[in-house]
């Protein structure tokens, strides 16, 4: 077995470069056994009264399914724990940010960098906020295309409407805050 990607500067330096430039000391990292965790002390999200802390964890050997993706491209992302949402992983409340079987251009990969991931998180958290404001589980609106949960061929996929117009995907670049 080779050296874990999370300890190799050739992987993490480009991953975090733009995010460190944007967030400075508000972005911290720590290592645990087979785990690299980034903590952003506050991400501004439209509609939220205060910046929200965000945690991103990369694992050498994840305890969760990565659906054939390399673990570096399927981190666990946490923000606003316990908030009602239609797009969270039930087991650990991690944000569900993209459909893992989508083509690479429609989901995040580590080659796109942490800044891109934080922008996806920002968009997702605003979508959650809007969804709760407009009714949540009782008809709340998700303003951008949202992929069904579950695996292809499951009831979630069968019940999704393919007749709706395609809108901007959550895994695309989110809105950029003013500098």
Protein backbone atom coordinates (compact mmCIF):
# COMPACT_ATOMS: atom_id res chain seq x y z
CA UNK A 1 0.00 0.00 0.00
CA UNK A 2 1.30 3.46 -0.93
CA UNK A 3 1.49 6.64 1.07
CA UNK A 4 -1.93 8.06 1.92
CA UNK A 5 -2.89 10.93 -0.40
CA UNK A 6 -3.88 13.17 2.55
CA UNK A 7 -0.29 13.50 3.79
CA UNK A 8 1.21 14.23 0.37
CA UNK A 9 1.87 17.95 -0.30
CA UNK A 10 1.54 17.29 -4.03
CA UNK A 11 -2.18 16.58 -3.31
CA UNK A 12 -3.11 18.92 -0.45
CA UNK A 13 -1.18 22.05 -1.51
CA UNK A 14 -3.18 22.61 -4.73
CA UNK A 15 -6.37 21.46 -2.96
CA UNK A 16 -6.23 24.20 -0.36
CA UNK A 17 -4.30 27.00 -2.15
CA UNK A 18 -7.25 29.18 -3.27
CA UNK A 19 -9.27 28.51 -0.10
CA UNK A 20 -6.34 29.57 2.09
CA UNK A 21 -5.96 32.73 0.01
CA UNK A 22 -9.69 33.54 0.39
CA UNK A 23 -10.24 32.53 4.04
CA UNK A 24 -6.78 32.97 5.61
CA UNK A 25 -6.59 31.98 9.27
CA UNK A 26 -10.31 31.16 9.30
CA UNK A 27 -9.40 27.88 7.58
CA UNK A 28 -7.62 25.37 9.81
CA UNK A 29 -6.64 21.76 9.31
CA UNK A 30 -5.83 18.80 11.55
CA UNK A 31 -4.74 15.23 11.10
CA UNK A 32 -6.08 12.14 12.82
CA UNK A 33 -5.39 8.50 12.03
CA UNK A 34 -6.06 8.25 8.29
CA UNK A 35 -8.06 11.49 8.37
CA UNK A 36 -7.45 15.07 7.22
CA UNK A 37 -10.01 17.58 8.47
CA UNK A 38 -10.47 21.18 7.37
CA UNK A 39 -12.50 23.54 9.54
CA UNK A 40 -13.73 26.86 8.21
CA UNK A 41 -14.76 29.00 11.16
CA UNK A 42 -17.50 30.81 9.28
CA UNK A 43 -19.01 30.68 5.80
CA UNK A 44 -21.37 33.51 4.89
CA UNK A 45 -24.66 32.12 3.61
CA UNK A 46 -27.51 34.30 2.37
CA UNK A 47 -30.40 34.19 4.83
CA UNK A 48 -28.36 32.96 7.78
CA UNK A 49 -27.94 35.48 10.62
CA UNK A 50 -24.28 34.59 11.21
CA UNK A 51 -21.52 32.82 9.30
CA UNK A 52 -21.74 29.03 9.61
CA UNK A 53 -18.83 26.79 10.57
CA UNK A 54 -18.07 24.07 8.00
CA UNK A 55 -16.05 20.88 8.48
CA UNK A 56 -14.65 18.82 5.59
CA UNK A 57 -13.06 15.45 6.35
CA UNK A 58 -11.03 13.33 3.95
CA UNK A 59 -10.31 9.72 4.86
CA UNK A 60 -7.68 7.21 3.85
CA UNK A 61 -10.28 4.44 4.23
CA UNK A 62 -13.78 5.93 4.60
CA UNK A 63 -16.34 4.06 6.71
CA UNK A 64 -19.06 5.24 4.30
CA UNK A 65 -19.65 4.24 0.67
CA UNK A 66 -17.86 6.27 -2.00
CA UNK A 67 -19.72 4.65 -4.92
CA UNK A 68 -16.58 3.80 -6.83
CA UNK A 69 -15.07 7.27 -6.46
CA UNK A 70 -11.63 7.73 -4.96
CA UNK A 71 -11.96 8.81 -1.30
CA UNK A 72 -10.17 12.12 -2.10
CA UNK A 73 -13.17 12.98 -4.31
CA UNK A 74 -15.84 12.01 -1.76
CA UNK A 75 -15.14 13.78 1.56
CA UNK A 76 -17.67 14.14 4.34
CA UNK A 77 -18.91 17.72 4.73
CA UNK A 78 -20.74 18.98 7.82
CA UNK A 79 -22.48 22.26 8.53
CA UNK A 80 -25.46 23.32 10.64
CA UNK A 81 -25.85 19.94 12.38
CA UNK A 82 -29.39 18.73 12.89
CA UNK A 83 -30.97 21.24 10.49
CA UNK A 84 -33.93 19.90 8.55
CA UNK A 85 -32.92 19.09 4.98
CA UNK A 86 -33.89 16.84 2.12
CA UNK A 87 -30.23 16.45 1.18
CA UNK A 88 -28.27 15.00 4.09
CA UNK A 89 -26.75 11.58 4.64
CA UNK A 90 -28.95 9.99 7.29
CA UNK A 91 -26.26 8.07 9.14
CA UNK A 92 -24.10 11.03 10.13
CA UNK A 93 -25.94 14.20 8.99
CA UNK A 94 -23.25 15.03 6.39
CA UNK A 95 -24.39 17.25 3.54
CA UNK A 96 -25.38 15.38 0.37
CA UNK A 97 -23.91 17.73 -2.23
CA UNK A 98 -23.99 15.79 -5.52
CA UNK A 99 -25.18 12.55 -7.04
CA UNK A 100 -22.12 10.27 -7.02
CA UNK A 101 -22.95 8.68 -10.39
CA UNK A 102 -23.13 12.00 -12.20
CA UNK A 103 -20.31 12.71 -14.64
CA UNK A 104 -17.30 14.51 -13.18
CA UNK A 105 -18.35 17.89 -14.58
CA UNK A 106 -21.52 17.73 -12.44
CA UNK A 107 -19.89 16.82 -9.14
CA UNK A 108 -16.99 18.01 -7.06
CA UNK A 109 -13.58 16.38 -7.30
CA UNK A 110 -10.49 17.27 -5.32
CA UNK A 111 -8.83 18.59 -8.48
CA UNK A 112 -11.32 21.50 -8.31
CA UNK A 113 -10.01 22.58 -4.90
CA UNK A 114 -11.47 23.36 -1.49
CA UNK A 115 -12.63 26.83 -2.50
CA UNK A 116 -14.92 25.30 -5.11
CA UNK A 117 -16.21 22.83 -2.50
CA UNK A 118 -16.94 25.67 -0.05
CA UNK A 119 -18.89 27.50 -2.76
CA UNK A 120 -20.94 24.34 -3.38
CA UNK A 121 -21.55 24.14 0.38
CA UNK A 122 -22.58 27.82 0.45
CA UNK A 123 -25.12 27.21 -2.34
CA UNK A 124 -26.37 24.03 -0.67
CA UNK A 125 -26.87 25.73 2.70
CA UNK A 126 -28.83 28.54 1.07
CA UNK A 127 -30.99 25.94 -0.75
CA UNK A 128 -31.65 24.21 2.59
CA UNK A 129 -32.54 27.55 4.19
CA UNK A 130 -34.95 28.44 1.36
CA UNK A 131 -36.45 24.94 1.37
CA UNK A 132 -37.22 25.24 5.11
CA UNK A 133 -38.65 28.77 4.68
CA UNK A 134 -40.99 27.60 1.92
CA UNK A 135 -42.38 24.61 3.77
CA UNK A 136 -39.62 22.03 4.14
CA UNK A 137 -41.07 18.51 3.98
CA UNK A 138 -44.50 20.04 3.31
CA UNK A 139 -43.75 21.28 -0.20
CA UNK A 140 -40.62 23.37 0.33
CA UNK A 141 -38.90 24.59 -2.82
CA UNK A 142 -35.37 23.56 -3.79
CA UNK A 143 -34.41 26.31 -6.22
CA UNK A 144 -31.89 24.41 -8.34
CA UNK A 145 -31.95 20.96 -9.86
CA UNK A 146 -31.78 18.35 -7.15
CA UNK A 147 -30.81 14.79 -7.86
CA UNK A 148 -32.78 11.89 -6.43
CA UNK A 149 -31.34 10.00 -3.49
CA UNK A 150 -30.61 6.32 -3.65
CA UNK A 151 -29.02 4.16 -6.29
CA UNK A 152 -30.04 4.00 -9.95
CA UNK A 153 -33.07 1.74 -10.27
CA UNK A 154 -34.33 2.48 -6.75
CA UNK A 155 -37.71 4.05 -5.99
CA UNK A 156 -36.04 7.45 -5.49
CA UNK A 157 -34.79 7.36 -9.06
CA UNK A 158 -38.01 5.99 -10.49
CA UNK A 159 -40.05 8.74 -8.83
CA UNK A 160 -37.84 11.62 -9.94
CA UNK A 161 -39.29 13.71 -12.71
CA UNK A 162 -37.16 13.79 -15.83
CA UNK A 163 -39.65 16.11 -17.52
CA UNK A 164 -38.62 19.12 -15.44
CA UNK A 165 -36.25 21.56 -17.14
CA UNK A 166 -32.62 21.14 -16.18
CA UNK A 167 -31.40 23.89 -13.94
CA UNK A 168 -28.03 24.78 -12.46
CA UNK A 169 -26.70 21.84 -10.48
CA UNK A 170 -25.65 22.17 -6.86
CA UNK A 171 -22.18 20.85 -7.65
CA UNK A 172 -21.47 23.69 -10.07
CA UNK A 173 -19.58 26.75 -8.99
CA UNK A 174 -21.65 28.62 -6.44
CA UNK A 175 -22.09 32.37 -6.28
CA UNK A 176 -18.88 34.24 -5.60
CA UNK A 177 -18.98 36.69 -2.69
CA UNK A 178 -17.64 40.19 -3.36
CA UNK A 179 -13.93 40.61 -2.57
